[in-house]
Amino acid sequence: MIQITFSSIEIDTLHQGFTNHPNPKIRQKMHVLYLKSMDMPHQQIRQICRISKSTLTGYLKQYIKGGIAGLTR
């Protein structure tokens, strides 16, 4: 499992993004990362967001590589 440490500012930004961002794809990415920041297991995140394991892994790697800005590209 991929481990990521989130700051409280990042958690707040992810929450804002998944509730307010105009692009639905970016909202989904931020929702996934927000759930990850809440220490939710990957399988549960995949079930809630209805995404595949490879999609989840891709979002996590995208975040690791580029942070929140990387998710919005």
Protein backbone atom coordinates (compact mmCIF):
# COMPACT_ATOMS: atom_id res chain seq x y z
CA MET A 1 0.00 0.00 0.00
CA ILE A 2 1.21 3.48 -0.86
CA GLN A 3 1.77 5.62 2.25
CA ILE A 4 1.32 9.39 2.07
CA THR A 5 1.49 11.95 4.87
CA PHE A 6 -0.90 14.88 4.49
CA SER A 7 -0.72 18.26 6.22
CA SER A 8 -3.89 19.76 7.66
CA ILE A 9 -3.75 22.44 4.94
CA GLU A 10 -3.59 19.75 2.23
CA ILE A 11 -6.53 17.93 3.80
CA ASP A 12 -8.57 21.15 3.85
CA THR A 13 -7.63 21.91 0.23
CA LEU A 14 -8.59 18.39 -0.88
CA HIS A 15 -11.94 18.72 0.90
CA GLN A 16 -12.60 22.08 -0.75
CA GLY A 17 -11.60 20.66 -4.13
CA PHE A 18 -13.80 17.60 -4.02
CA THR A 19 -16.81 19.63 -2.95
CA ASN A 20 -16.35 22.74 -5.11
CA HIS A 21 -14.07 22.21 -8.12
CA PRO A 22 -15.90 22.83 -11.43
CA ASN A 23 -14.25 19.86 -13.21
CA PRO A 24 -15.86 16.52 -12.22
CA LYS A 25 -12.71 14.51 -13.00
CA ILE A 26 -10.63 16.69 -10.68
CA ARG A 27 -13.36 16.50 -8.03
CA GLN A 28 -13.08 12.70 -8.21
CA LYS A 29 -9.29 12.77 -7.87
CA MET A 30 -9.50 15.09 -4.88
CA HIS A 31 -12.21 12.93 -3.31
CA VAL A 32 -9.96 9.88 -3.63
CA LEU A 33 -7.02 11.71 -2.04
CA TYR A 34 -9.24 13.16 0.68
CA LEU A 35 -10.41 9.66 1.62
CA LYS A 36 -6.78 8.52 1.57
CA SER A 37 -5.90 11.38 3.92
CA MET A 38 -8.51 9.98 6.33
CA ASP A 39 -6.54 6.69 6.43
CA MET A 40 -9.28 4.82 4.61
CA PRO A 41 -8.20 1.44 3.16
CA HIS A 42 -7.63 1.39 -0.59
CA GLN A 43 -10.32 -1.22 -1.20
CA GLN A 44 -12.90 0.94 0.57
CA ILE A 45 -11.82 4.05 -1.39
CA ARG A 46 -12.21 2.09 -4.63
CA GLN A 47 -15.69 0.93 -3.64
CA ILE A 48 -16.88 4.40 -2.58
CA CYS A 49 -15.47 6.13 -5.67
CA ARG A 50 -16.20 3.23 -8.04
CA ILE A 51 -12.70 3.18 -9.51
CA SER A 52 -10.26 0.43 -10.38
CA LYS A 53 -7.09 -0.43 -8.50
CA SER A 54 -4.97 0.98 -11.34
CA THR A 55 -6.93 4.25 -11.34
CA LEU A 56 -6.46 4.61 -7.58
CA THR A 57 -2.74 3.89 -7.89
CA GLY A 58 -2.47 6.39 -10.75
CA TYR A 59 -4.12 9.15 -8.70
CA LEU A 60 -1.87 8.45 -5.71
CA LYS A 61 1.28 8.52 -7.87
CA GLN A 62 0.08 11.71 -9.55
CA TYR A 63 -0.30 13.30 -6.12
CA ILE A 64 3.10 12.06 -4.91
CA LYS A 65 4.76 13.46 -8.02
CA GLY A 66 2.99 16.82 -8.27
CA GLY A 67 0.98 17.44 -5.11
CA ILE A 68 -2.44 19.01 -5.33
CA ALA A 69 -1.35 21.05 -8.37
CA GLY A 70 -0.49 17.76 -10.10
CA LEU A 71 -4.04 16.50 -9.63
CA THR A 72 -5.49 19.51 -11.43
CA ARG A 73 -3.51 19.14 -14.65
